[in-house]
N, C-alpha and C. Protein backbone atom coordinates (compact mmCIF):
# COMPACT_ATOMS: atom_id res chain seq x y z
N MET A 1 -90.74 -36.70 -100.28
CA MET A 1 -91.86 -37.31 -100.21
C MET A 1 -92.67 -35.10 -100.67
N ARG A 2 -93.92 -35.09 -100.40
CA ARG A 2 -94.21 -33.41 -100.70
C ARG A 2 -94.71 -32.99 -100.17
N ARG A 3 -94.71 -33.94 -98.66
CA ARG A 3 -94.99 -33.22 -98.05
C ARG A 3 -94.17 -32.41 -96.63
N ASP A 4 -94.57 -31.79 -95.64
CA ASP A 4 -92.43 -30.89 -95.63
C ASP A 4 -92.38 -32.06 -94.08
N MET A 5 -92.14 -33.26 -93.99
CA MET A 5 -92.59 -33.66 -92.93
C MET A 5 -91.37 -32.74 -91.25
N ASN A 6 -90.72 -32.37 -91.25
CA ASN A 6 -90.64 -31.38 -90.40
C ASN A 6 -90.82 -29.89 -89.35
N ASN A 7 -92.27 -30.09 -90.80
CA ASN A 7 -92.98 -28.42 -90.33
C ASN A 7 -94.91 -29.60 -90.56
N ILE A 8 -94.69 -30.42 -89.59
CA ILE A 8 -96.67 -31.24 -89.46
C ILE A 8 -96.92 -30.40 -88.80
N ASP A 9 -98.18 -29.88 -89.19
CA ASP A 9 -99.43 -29.46 -88.08
C ASP A 9 -100.28 -30.07 -87.70
N HIS A 10 -99.27 -31.07 -87.47
CA HIS A 10 -101.01 -32.07 -86.15
C HIS A 10 -100.71 -32.42 -84.93
N ASP A 11 -101.84 -32.24 -84.19
CA ASP A 11 -101.41 -31.35 -82.82
C ASP A 11 -100.85 -33.70 -82.24
N LEU A 12 -102.00 -34.39 -81.99
CA LEU A 12 -101.35 -35.61 -81.81
C LEU A 12 -99.38 -35.75 -82.29
N LEU A 13 -98.77 -35.54 -83.67
CA LEU A 13 -97.61 -35.72 -83.18
C LEU A 13 -96.67 -35.23 -82.95
N TYR A 14 -97.12 -33.53 -83.00
CA TYR A 14 -96.53 -32.50 -82.34
C TYR A 14 -96.90 -32.74 -80.39
N LYS A 15 -97.67 -34.14 -79.76
CA LYS A 15 -97.46 -33.59 -78.67
C LYS A 15 -96.60 -35.08 -78.09
N LYS A 16 -96.84 -35.88 -79.50
CA LYS A 16 -95.71 -37.29 -79.08
C LYS A 16 -94.32 -36.69 -79.04
N ARG A 17 -93.89 -35.86 -79.75
CA ARG A 17 -92.55 -35.11 -79.54
C ARG A 17 -92.64 -34.36 -78.34
N MET A 18 -93.18 -33.46 -77.47
CA MET A 18 -92.99 -33.59 -76.45
C MET A 18 -93.05 -34.00 -75.96
N ILE A 19 -93.64 -34.64 -75.40
CA ILE A 19 -94.34 -35.35 -74.20
C ILE A 19 -93.05 -36.90 -74.18
N GLY A 20 -92.13 -36.74 -75.44
CA GLY A 20 -90.86 -37.88 -75.65
C GLY A 20 -89.54 -36.97 -75.23
N GLN A 21 -89.87 -35.81 -75.94
CA GLN A 21 -88.91 -34.76 -74.74
C GLN A 21 -88.63 -34.41 -73.23
N MET A 22 -90.37 -34.44 -73.35
CA MET A 22 -90.20 -34.16 -71.87
C MET A 22 -89.63 -35.58 -70.59
N LEU A 23 -89.55 -36.51 -71.50
CA LEU A 23 -89.26 -37.80 -70.06
C LEU A 23 -87.60 -37.67 -70.63
N TYR A 24 -87.31 -37.29 -71.45
CA TYR A 24 -85.74 -37.39 -71.82
C TYR A 24 -85.10 -36.90 -71.58
N GLU A 25 -85.45 -35.32 -70.77
CA GLU A 25 -84.66 -34.41 -70.70
C GLU A 25 -84.68 -34.29 -68.67
N ASP A 26 -85.58 -35.02 -68.45
CA ASP A 26 -85.52 -34.98 -66.87
C ASP A 26 -84.52 -36.01 -65.88
N PRO A 27 -83.54 -35.14 -65.80
CA PRO A 27 -82.55 -36.28 -65.64
C PRO A 27 -82.55 -37.42 -63.81
N ASP A 28 -84.01 -37.29 -63.61
CA ASP A 28 -84.75 -38.14 -62.82
C ASP A 28 -84.31 -38.85 -63.71
N ILE A 29 -85.78 -39.56 -64.44
CA ILE A 29 -85.85 -40.30 -65.39
C ILE A 29 -85.30 -41.06 -66.07
N VAL A 30 -83.89 -40.60 -66.73
CA VAL A 30 -82.76 -40.85 -67.25
C VAL A 30 -82.01 -41.87 -65.98
N GLU A 31 -82.12 -41.21 -64.28
CA GLU A 31 -81.08 -42.45 -63.65
C GLU A 31 -81.72 -43.84 -63.63
N VAL A 32 -83.37 -43.52 -63.49
CA VAL A 32 -84.72 -44.20 -62.34
C VAL A 32 -84.56 -45.07 -63.74
N ILE A 33 -84.62 -45.69 -64.81
CA ILE A 33 -84.98 -46.25 -65.90
C ILE A 33 -83.73 -47.02 -66.06
N ASP A 34 -82.09 -46.44 -65.34
CA ASP A 34 -81.05 -47.80 -64.95
C ASP A 34 -80.14 -48.53 -66.28
N ASN A 35 -80.40 -47.51 -67.36
CA ASN A 35 -79.06 -48.03 -68.62
C ASN A 35 -78.12 -47.34 -68.31
N SER A 36 -77.23 -47.86 -68.24
CA SER A 36 -75.58 -48.06 -68.26
C SER A 36 -75.22 -47.34 -69.77
N ASN A 37 -75.39 -48.13 -71.07
CA ASN A 37 -75.43 -47.82 -72.13
C ASN A 37 -75.55 -46.65 -72.85
N ILE A 38 -76.61 -45.65 -71.87
CA ILE A 38 -76.57 -43.67 -72.49
C ILE A 38 -75.58 -42.90 -72.10
N ASP A 39 -75.34 -42.14 -72.33
CA ASP A 39 -74.67 -41.17 -72.57
C ASP A 39 -75.57 -40.46 -71.11
N PRO A 40 -74.79 -39.51 -70.06
CA PRO A 40 -76.25 -37.88 -69.71
C PRO A 40 -76.02 -37.34 -70.15
N THR A 41 -74.89 -37.30 -70.75
CA THR A 41 -74.92 -36.02 -71.70
C THR A 41 -75.89 -35.88 -73.37
N CYS A 42 -76.10 -37.22 -73.53
CA CYS A 42 -76.69 -37.06 -74.54
C CYS A 42 -78.07 -37.91 -73.98
N PRO A 43 -79.26 -37.51 -73.36
CA PRO A 43 -80.20 -38.61 -73.07
C PRO A 43 -81.03 -38.76 -73.83
N ASP A 44 -80.87 -37.91 -74.94
CA ASP A 44 -82.37 -37.93 -76.27
C ASP A 44 -81.90 -40.00 -76.52
N GLU A 45 -80.50 -40.66 -76.08
CA GLU A 45 -80.90 -41.79 -76.97
C GLU A 45 -81.25 -42.26 -76.28
N ILE A 46 -82.34 -42.05 -75.02
CA ILE A 46 -82.94 -43.50 -74.26
C ILE A 46 -84.35 -43.34 -75.73
N LEU A 47 -84.56 -42.55 -76.51
CA LEU A 47 -85.69 -42.43 -77.57
C LEU A 47 -85.26 -43.80 -78.22
N TYR A 48 -86.35 -44.49 -77.85
CA TYR A 48 -86.81 -45.77 -79.44
C TYR A 48 -85.75 -47.15 -78.69
N GLU A 49 -84.81 -46.99 -77.27
CA GLU A 49 -84.04 -47.53 -76.03
C GLU A 49 -84.95 -47.86 -75.21
N ASN A 50 -85.03 -46.66 -74.56
CA ASN A 50 -86.11 -47.60 -73.45
C ASN A 50 -87.87 -46.35 -72.54
N ILE A 51 -87.11 -45.19 -73.84
CA ILE A 51 -89.05 -44.78 -74.22
C ILE A 51 -89.16 -44.75 -75.56
N PHE A 52 -90.23 -45.08 -75.58
CA PHE A 52 -91.29 -45.28 -76.77
C PHE A 52 -91.92 -44.24 -76.93
N PRO A 53 -92.87 -43.81 -77.83
CA PRO A 53 -93.45 -43.31 -78.32
C PRO A 53 -94.94 -44.42 -78.95
N PHE A 54 -95.10 -45.02 -78.31
CA PHE A 54 -96.10 -46.07 -79.11
C PHE A 54 -96.23 -47.39 -77.42
N ILE A 55 -97.19 -47.88 -77.74
CA ILE A 55 -96.82 -48.91 -76.59
C ILE A 55 -96.53 -50.27 -77.36
N ARG A 56 -95.53 -50.66 -76.28
CA ARG A 56 -94.25 -51.51 -77.31
C ARG A 56 -94.72 -52.12 -75.84
N VAL A 57 -95.17 -54.27 -76.09
CA VAL A 57 -94.49 -55.24 -74.87
C VAL A 57 -93.19 -55.22 -75.19
N PRO A 58 -92.75 -55.12 -73.86
CA PRO A 58 -91.14 -56.47 -74.65
C PRO A 58 -90.76 -56.94 -74.65
N ASP A 59 -90.48 -57.97 -75.08
CA ASP A 59 -90.24 -59.74 -75.49
C ASP A 59 -89.51 -59.96 -74.22
N THR A 60 -89.04 -61.03 -74.27
CA THR A 60 -89.21 -61.13 -73.11
C THR A 60 -86.81 -61.70 -73.19
N GLN A 61 -86.38 -61.66 -73.13
CA GLN A 61 -84.99 -61.27 -73.05
C GLN A 61 -84.07 -62.02 -72.12
N ASP A 62 -82.87 -61.36 -72.81
CA ASP A 62 -81.82 -62.40 -71.58
C ASP A 62 -81.83 -61.45 -70.57
N VAL A 63 -81.00 -59.86 -71.39
CA VAL A 63 -80.77 -58.22 -70.64
C VAL A 63 -82.65 -57.87 -70.25
N ALA A 64 -81.92 -58.07 -68.81
CA ALA A 64 -83.51 -56.78 -67.91
C ALA A 64 -83.08 -55.33 -68.14
N LYS A 65 -84.80 -54.81 -68.87
CA LYS A 65 -84.31 -53.67 -69.15
C LYS A 65 -86.49 -52.99 -68.02
N SER A 66 -86.01 -51.93 -68.45
CA SER A 66 -86.89 -51.10 -67.90
C SER A 66 -87.42 -50.22 -69.36
N TYR A 67 -88.51 -49.44 -69.86
CA TYR A 67 -89.61 -49.16 -70.09
C TYR A 67 -90.63 -48.24 -70.03
N ILE A 68 -90.54 -46.82 -69.91
CA ILE A 68 -91.68 -46.26 -70.67
C ILE A 68 -92.48 -46.15 -72.28
N THR A 69 -93.84 -46.25 -71.93
CA THR A 69 -94.51 -45.95 -73.68
C THR A 69 -94.99 -45.77 -73.06
N PHE A 70 -95.71 -44.75 -75.09
CA PHE A 70 -97.14 -43.88 -74.09
C PHE A 70 -98.10 -43.91 -75.78
N ALA A 71 -98.53 -43.25 -75.30
CA ALA A 71 -99.89 -43.35 -76.37
C ALA A 71 -100.39 -41.94 -76.30
N ILE A 72 -101.20 -41.16 -77.59
CA ILE A 72 -102.18 -39.94 -77.17
C ILE A 72 -103.15 -40.28 -78.15
N ASP A 73 -104.16 -40.23 -77.39
CA ASP A 73 -105.44 -40.54 -78.36
C ASP A 73 -106.75 -39.50 -78.35
N ASP A 74 -107.10 -39.02 -79.41
CA ASP A 74 -108.66 -38.64 -79.52
C ASP A 74 -109.55 -39.36 -79.00
N ILE A 75 -110.39 -39.36 -78.50
CA ILE A 75 -111.18 -39.15 -77.90
C ILE A 75 -112.20 -38.79 -78.01
N GLU A 76 -112.56 -37.68 -77.90
CA GLU A 76 -114.70 -37.48 -78.36
C GLU A 76 -114.35 -35.44 -79.06
N GLN A 77 -114.79 -35.13 -79.48
CA GLN A 77 -115.13 -34.20 -79.38
C GLN A 77 -115.90 -33.16 -78.66
N GLY A 78 -115.52 -31.93 -77.68
CA GLY A 78 -116.24 -31.89 -76.12
C GLY A 78 -117.72 -31.85 -76.83
N LEU A 79 -118.14 -32.00 -75.51
CA LEU A 79 -119.85 -32.29 -75.60
C LEU A 79 -121.18 -31.73 -75.85
N ARG A 80 -120.36 -29.80 -75.58
CA ARG A 80 -121.05 -28.71 -75.16
C ARG A 80 -120.38 -28.20 -77.10
N ASN A 81 -119.18 -28.09 -76.67
CA ASN A 81 -118.52 -27.47 -78.02
C ASN A 81 -117.70 -28.17 -78.68
N ASP A 82 -118.08 -27.85 -80.19
CA ASP A 82 -117.24 -28.81 -81.43
C ASP A 82 -115.48 -28.08 -81.90
N ALA A 83 -115.31 -26.64 -81.17
CA ALA A 83 -113.90 -26.09 -80.81
C ALA A 83 -113.42 -27.05 -80.48
N MET A 84 -114.09 -27.67 -79.27
CA MET A 84 -112.89 -28.41 -78.16
C MET A 84 -113.57 -29.81 -78.46
N LYS A 85 -112.42 -30.72 -77.60
CA LYS A 85 -112.06 -32.03 -77.82
C LYS A 85 -110.66 -32.62 -76.09
N ARG A 86 -111.51 -33.64 -75.73
CA ARG A 86 -110.98 -34.77 -74.92
C ARG A 86 -110.03 -35.00 -75.89
N GLN A 87 -108.71 -35.03 -75.25
CA GLN A 87 -107.52 -36.25 -75.82
C GLN A 87 -107.01 -37.21 -74.51
N HIS A 88 -106.91 -38.21 -74.33
CA HIS A 88 -106.38 -38.87 -73.35
C HIS A 88 -104.57 -39.45 -73.56
N ILE A 89 -103.58 -39.48 -72.72
CA ILE A 89 -102.66 -40.55 -73.05
C ILE A 89 -102.45 -40.76 -71.56
N GLN A 90 -101.55 -42.01 -72.18
CA GLN A 90 -101.73 -43.11 -71.80
C GLN A 90 -99.70 -43.60 -71.71
N PHE A 91 -99.47 -44.11 -70.48
CA PHE A 91 -97.89 -44.01 -70.10
C PHE A 91 -98.32 -45.55 -69.19
N VAL A 92 -97.53 -46.82 -70.15
CA VAL A 92 -96.98 -47.92 -69.92
C VAL A 92 -96.07 -48.31 -69.33
N ILE A 93 -95.66 -48.25 -68.08
CA ILE A 93 -94.29 -48.91 -67.83
C ILE A 93 -93.85 -50.17 -67.10
N PHE A 94 -92.97 -50.92 -68.15
CA PHE A 94 -92.65 -52.09 -67.96
C PHE A 94 -91.49 -52.42 -67.31
N VAL A 95 -91.27 -53.07 -66.51
CA VAL A 95 -89.84 -53.17 -65.53
C VAL A 95 -89.82 -55.09 -65.54
N HIS A 96 -88.54 -55.49 -66.51
CA HIS A 96 -88.63 -56.70 -65.99
C HIS A 96 -88.11 -57.33 -64.22
N LYS A 97 -88.94 -58.27 -63.93
CA LYS A 97 -87.97 -58.79 -62.63
C LYS A 97 -87.00 -58.25 -62.02
N ASP A 98 -85.51 -58.73 -62.43
CA ASP A 98 -84.72 -58.39 -61.82
C ASP A 98 -84.37 -56.99 -62.16
N LYS A 99 -84.87 -55.64 -62.00
CA LYS A 99 -84.99 -54.62 -62.63
C LYS A 99 -86.22 -53.73 -61.55
N VAL A 100 -86.30 -54.12 -60.97
CA VAL A 100 -87.44 -53.94 -59.74
C VAL A 100 -86.82 -53.32 -58.71
N LYS A 101 -85.62 -53.84 -57.97
CA LYS A 101 -85.52 -53.40 -56.98
C LYS A 101 -84.82 -52.18 -57.63
N THR A 102 -84.49 -51.17 -56.31
CA THR A 102 -84.21 -49.60 -56.43
C THR A 102 -83.27 -48.99 -54.84
N LYS A 103 -82.19 -48.55 -54.64
CA LYS A 103 -81.40 -47.66 -54.55
C LYS A 103 -82.45 -47.34 -53.69
N TRP A 104 -83.57 -46.69 -53.63
CA TRP A 104 -84.59 -46.18 -52.98
C TRP A 104 -85.21 -46.46 -51.97
N GLY A 105 -85.28 -48.03 -52.06
CA GLY A 105 -86.47 -48.83 -52.06
C GLY A 105 -87.93 -48.98 -51.65
N ILE A 106 -87.60 -48.77 -53.51
CA ILE A 106 -89.79 -48.32 -53.87
C ILE A 106 -89.12 -49.18 -55.67
N PRO A 107 -90.00 -49.66 -55.42
CA PRO A 107 -90.08 -51.05 -57.01
C PRO A 107 -89.91 -49.86 -58.29
N ARG A 108 -89.35 -49.65 -58.68
CA ARG A 108 -89.02 -49.12 -59.61
C ARG A 108 -89.81 -48.31 -60.66
N HIS A 109 -91.37 -49.31 -60.72
CA HIS A 109 -92.68 -49.27 -61.79
C HIS A 109 -93.10 -48.05 -61.33
N ASP A 110 -93.55 -48.27 -59.58
CA ASP A 110 -93.52 -47.19 -59.71
C ASP A 110 -92.98 -45.85 -59.25
N LEU A 111 -91.47 -46.35 -59.15
CA LEU A 111 -90.87 -44.86 -58.74
C LEU A 111 -91.24 -44.13 -59.67
N LEU A 112 -91.06 -44.81 -61.42
CA LEU A 112 -91.39 -44.25 -62.62
C LEU A 112 -92.80 -43.47 -62.72
N GLY A 113 -93.22 -44.84 -62.06
CA GLY A 113 -94.78 -43.59 -62.42
C GLY A 113 -95.20 -42.54 -61.62
N TYR A 114 -94.18 -42.62 -60.70
CA TYR A 114 -94.53 -41.19 -60.17
C TYR A 114 -94.18 -40.01 -60.35
N LEU A 115 -93.04 -40.18 -60.92
CA LEU A 115 -92.04 -39.25 -61.92
C LEU A 115 -93.27 -38.33 -62.97
N ILE A 116 -93.72 -39.32 -64.03
CA ILE A 116 -94.41 -39.36 -64.99
C ILE A 116 -95.16 -38.55 -64.10
N GLN A 117 -96.26 -39.04 -62.97
CA GLN A 117 -97.31 -37.98 -62.22
C GLN A 117 -96.95 -36.81 -62.15
N ASP A 118 -95.87 -36.93 -61.36
CA ASP A 118 -95.60 -35.01 -60.75
C ASP A 118 -95.13 -34.55 -62.16
N ILE A 119 -94.42 -35.25 -63.30
CA ILE A 119 -93.66 -33.87 -64.31
C ILE A 119 -95.14 -33.35 -65.05
N PHE A 120 -95.95 -34.88 -65.28
CA PHE A 120 -98.04 -34.05 -66.25
C PHE A 120 -98.87 -33.26 -65.62
N ASN A 121 -98.78 -34.24 -64.18
CA ASN A 121 -99.80 -33.86 -64.20
C ASN A 121 -100.60 -32.13 -63.22
N LEU A 122 -101.32 -31.47 -63.72
CA LEU A 122 -101.43 -30.33 -64.20
C LEU A 122 -100.88 -28.99 -64.29
N SER A 123 -99.67 -29.88 -65.35
CA SER A 123 -98.71 -29.19 -66.51
C SER A 123 -99.77 -28.77 -67.69
N ASN A 124 -99.31 -27.36 -68.26
CA ASN A 124 -99.80 -26.95 -69.22
C ASN A 124 -98.47 -27.17 -69.99
N LYS A 125 -98.03 -27.95 -70.24
CA LYS A 125 -96.91 -27.56 -71.40
C LYS A 125 -97.32 -28.41 -73.45
N LEU A 126 -98.66 -29.42 -72.18
CA LEU A 126 -98.77 -29.76 -74.28
C LEU A 126 -99.82 -28.86 -74.59
N GLY A 127 -100.47 -26.99 -73.54
CA GLY A 127 -101.94 -26.65 -74.30
C GLY A 127 -103.10 -26.56 -72.55
N LEU A 128 -102.98 -26.66 -72.97
CA LEU A 128 -103.83 -27.08 -71.78
C LEU A 128 -103.95 -28.10 -71.05
N GLN A 129 -104.73 -27.14 -69.40
CA GLN A 129 -103.67 -28.12 -68.32
C GLN A 129 -103.91 -29.49 -68.98
N ILE A 130 -102.90 -31.09 -68.58
CA ILE A 130 -102.98 -32.51 -68.30
C ILE A 130 -103.14 -32.61 -66.55
N ASN A 131 -104.60 -33.05 -66.62
CA ASN A 131 -104.98 -33.91 -65.44
C ASN A 131 -105.10 -35.26 -64.95
N PHE A 132 -104.25 -35.56 -64.07
CA PHE A 132 -104.02 -37.34 -64.46
C PHE A 132 -105.69 -37.90 -63.73
N GLN A 133 -105.72 -38.98 -64.18
CA GLN A 133 -106.92 -40.07 -63.94
C GLN A 133 -106.61 -41.40 -63.43
N THR A 134 -105.78 -41.93 -64.22
CA THR A 134 -106.02 -42.98 -63.35
C THR A 134 -104.38 -43.92 -63.20
N SER A 135 -103.90 -45.15 -62.43
CA SER A 135 -102.63 -45.32 -62.52
C SER A 135 -103.08 -47.02 -61.72
N ARG A 136 -102.77 -47.97 -62.67
CA ARG A 136 -102.67 -49.23 -62.04
C ARG A 136 -101.68 -49.36 -62.21
N GLU A 137 -101.72 -50.56 -61.09
CA GLU A 137 -100.17 -51.77 -61.37
C GLU A 137 -100.80 -53.21 -62.15
N GLY A 138 -100.00 -53.88 -62.49
CA GLY A 138 -100.20 -55.07 -63.71
C GLY A 138 -99.02 -55.96 -63.58
N VAL A 139 -99.26 -56.94 -64.74
CA VAL A 139 -98.47 -57.16 -65.02
C VAL A 139 -98.77 -58.30 -66.91
N THR A 140 -97.54 -58.64 -66.99
CA THR A 140 -97.44 -59.14 -68.48
C THR A 140 -97.26 -60.87 -68.84
N ASP A 141 -96.38 -61.00 -67.83
CA ASP A 141 -96.12 -62.24 -67.52
C ASP A 141 -95.41 -63.46 -66.34
N THR A 142 -94.59 -63.16 -66.53
CA THR A 142 -93.79 -63.67 -64.93
C THR A 142 -93.03 -63.24 -65.25
N ASP A 143 -91.98 -62.64 -66.68
CA ASP A 143 -90.76 -61.09 -65.79
C ASP A 143 -91.32 -59.86 -66.19
N TYR A 144 -92.31 -59.31 -66.68
CA TYR A 144 -92.21 -58.33 -66.35
C TYR A 144 -93.35 -57.52 -65.72
N CYS A 145 -93.61 -56.45 -64.69
CA CYS A 145 -94.40 -56.06 -64.12
C CYS A 145 -94.25 -54.39 -64.59
N THR A 146 -95.69 -53.60 -64.07
CA THR A 146 -96.38 -52.37 -65.35
C THR A 146 -96.47 -51.39 -64.14
N ARG A 147 -96.62 -51.11 -64.46
CA ARG A 147 -97.69 -49.36 -63.96
C ARG A 147 -98.44 -48.46 -64.82
N THR A 148 -99.24 -48.36 -64.87
CA THR A 148 -100.10 -47.76 -66.64
C THR A 148 -100.64 -47.07 -65.89
N LEU A 149 -100.29 -45.57 -66.23
CA LEU A 149 -100.86 -44.41 -66.30
C LEU A 149 -102.22 -43.45 -67.24
N HIS A 150 -103.47 -42.63 -66.94
CA HIS A 150 -103.90 -41.72 -67.37
C HIS A 150 -103.84 -40.82 -67.53
N PHE A 151 -103.86 -39.48 -67.93
CA PHE A 151 -103.92 -38.51 -68.30
C PHE A 151 -105.41 -38.06 -69.18
N GLU A 152 -105.65 -36.98 -68.77
CA GLU A 152 -106.70 -36.69 -69.50
C GLU A 152 -106.07 -34.79 -69.97
N ILE A 153 -106.60 -34.49 -71.59
CA ILE A 153 -106.55 -32.88 -71.82
C ILE A 153 -107.75 -32.44 -72.27
N ILE A 154 -108.01 -31.24 -72.15
CA ILE A 154 -109.12 -30.82 -72.67
C ILE A 154 -108.29 -29.97 -73.47
N THR A 155 -108.23 -30.06 -74.54
CA THR A 155 -107.57 -28.99 -75.92
C THR A 155 -108.62 -28.67 -76.95
N PRO A 156 -108.38 -26.88 -77.43
CA PRO A 156 -108.75 -27.08 -78.98
C PRO A 156 -108.76 -28.24 -79.95
N ASN A 157 -109.77 -28.62 -80.88
CA ASN A 157 -109.98 -29.25 -81.60
C ASN A 157 -109.23 -29.22 -83.13
N SER A 158 -108.68 -27.70 -83.48
CA SER A 158 -107.62 -27.45 -84.05
C SER A 158 -108.61 -26.84 -86.05
N LEU A 159 -109.81 -26.68 -85.02
CA LEU A 159 -110.93 -25.92 -86.39
C LEU A 159 -109.63 -24.86 -86.79
N LYS A 160 -109.78 -25.20 -88.78
CA LYS A 160 -109.52 -24.07 -89.24
C LYS A 160 -110.45 -23.79 -90.01
N PRO A 161 -111.02 -22.83 -89.85
CA PRO A 161 -111.59 -22.50 -91.49
C PRO A 161 -111.53 -22.35 -93.03
N TYR A 162 -111.69 -21.72 -93.68
CA TYR A 162 -111.12 -22.06 -95.28
C TYR A 162 -110.45 -22.27 -95.20
N LYS A 163 -109.67 -23.69 -95.06
CA LYS A 163 -108.96 -24.84 -95.27
C LYS A 163 -108.99 -26.19 -95.59
N THR A 164 -108.61 -25.96 -96.55
CA THR A 164 -109.18 -27.65 -97.39
C THR A 164 -107.51 -27.64 -97.62
N ASN A 165 -108.05 -29.53 -98.33
CA ASN A 165 -106.46 -30.18 -98.35
C ASN A 165 -106.07 -30.12 -99.81
N PRO A 166 -105.03 -29.38 -99.42
CA PRO A 166 -103.95 -28.93 -100.41
C PRO A 166 -103.37 -29.84 -101.74
N TYR A 167 -103.71 -31.21 -101.05
CA TYR A 167 -103.58 -32.09 -102.33
C TYR A 167 -104.51 -31.55 -103.16
N GLU A 168 -105.80 -31.20 -102.65
CA GLU A 168 -107.30 -32.02 -103.74
C GLU A 168 -106.59 -30.93 -104.79
N VAL A 169 -106.60 -31.70 -105.94
CA VAL A 169 -106.76 -30.91 -107.17
C VAL A 169 -107.71 -30.11 -107.17
N LYS A 170 -109.39 -29.98 -106.58
CA LYS A 170 -109.87 -29.19 -107.51
C LYS A 170 -109.50 -28.28 -106.16
N SER A 171 -110.86 -26.94 -105.11
CA SER A 171 -111.01 -27.16 -103.94
C SER A 171 -112.02 -25.55 -104.17
N ILE A 172 -112.76 -25.99 -103.13
CA ILE A 172 -114.06 -25.16 -103.50
C ILE A 172 -112.82 -23.27 -102.12
N VAL A 173 -111.74 -23.59 -102.20
CA VAL A 173 -110.70 -22.56 -101.47
C VAL A 173 -109.73 -22.12 -101.62
N HIS A 174 -109.49 -20.77 -102.31
CA HIS A 174 -108.64 -21.03 -102.90
C HIS A 174 -107.81 -20.59 -101.73
N ASN A 175 -106.29 -20.44 -101.72
CA ASN A 175 -105.59 -20.50 -101.07
C ASN A 175 -104.78 -19.41 -100.95
N HIS A 176 -105.15 -18.74 -102.15
CA HIS A 176 -103.95 -17.35 -102.02
C HIS A 176 -104.97 -16.24 -101.41
N ASP A 177 -106.18 -16.39 -101.99
CA ASP A 177 -106.43 -14.86 -100.70
C ASP A 177 -108.21 -15.98 -100.14
N LYS A 178 -108.45 -16.81 -100.00
CA LYS A 178 -109.45 -17.18 -99.33
C LYS A 178 -110.59 -16.87 -99.70
N LYS A 179 -110.97 -16.31 -100.94
CA LYS A 179 -112.64 -16.53 -101.56
C LYS A 179 -112.48 -17.99 -102.04
N VAL A 180 -113.99 -17.72 -101.67
CA VAL A 180 -114.95 -19.32 -102.43
C VAL A 180 -114.80 -19.29 -103.90
N GLN A 181 -114.66 -20.30 -104.30
CA GLN A 181 -114.83 -20.35 -105.91
C GLN A 181 -116.16 -20.91 -106.19
N HIS A 182 -116.43 -20.61 -107.13
CA HIS A 182 -117.83 -21.36 -107.14
C HIS A 182 -117.82 -22.23 -108.68
N GLU A 183 -116.60 -22.74 -108.39
CA GLU A 183 -116.44 -23.84 -109.83
C GLU A 183 -117.20 -24.89 -108.42
N SER A 184 -117.45 -26.03 -109.69
CA SER A 184 -118.31 -27.67 -108.70
C SER A 184 -117.01 -28.38 -108.70
N VAL A 185 -116.96 -28.84 -107.66
CA VAL A 185 -115.60 -30.51 -107.19
C VAL A 185 -116.69 -31.17 -107.81
């Protein structure tokens, strides 16, 4: 690959990585998900097993599981300022009907929703403050109940003056000295 995949400068990809890490580093999330196959000393193993950085609807399966899925989207540039934009983070929690009951007397999807809201609401860990918007309960079929949470962030729009696409053959900006060239593109 021509691009350095370990050093990507893209806020959505960075924030997805951070959200996943914030979830699997929280011992209460790992405990409430209730996957006995996950080694508590290696909680990152839960990523792509029970925590997915995209919205994924589980298949009907023999093994009952709990899932946290999430997505982050750019919604629009700021209405008054092009340097800012709105982003929405959506979490969808899926819990199999056989896993809903917990030892704490709280339905598992509601408890996971509470923990996610507790971790992310009013947090500044993704840059600017994350604000809780909505929480809705639902179902997918006869096997899974859900809880969907929405958060919003107002964040810089990543405007980079004088930067052009480094993969184009010709550029109006010379990448070394940042002077505008007078070539026709």
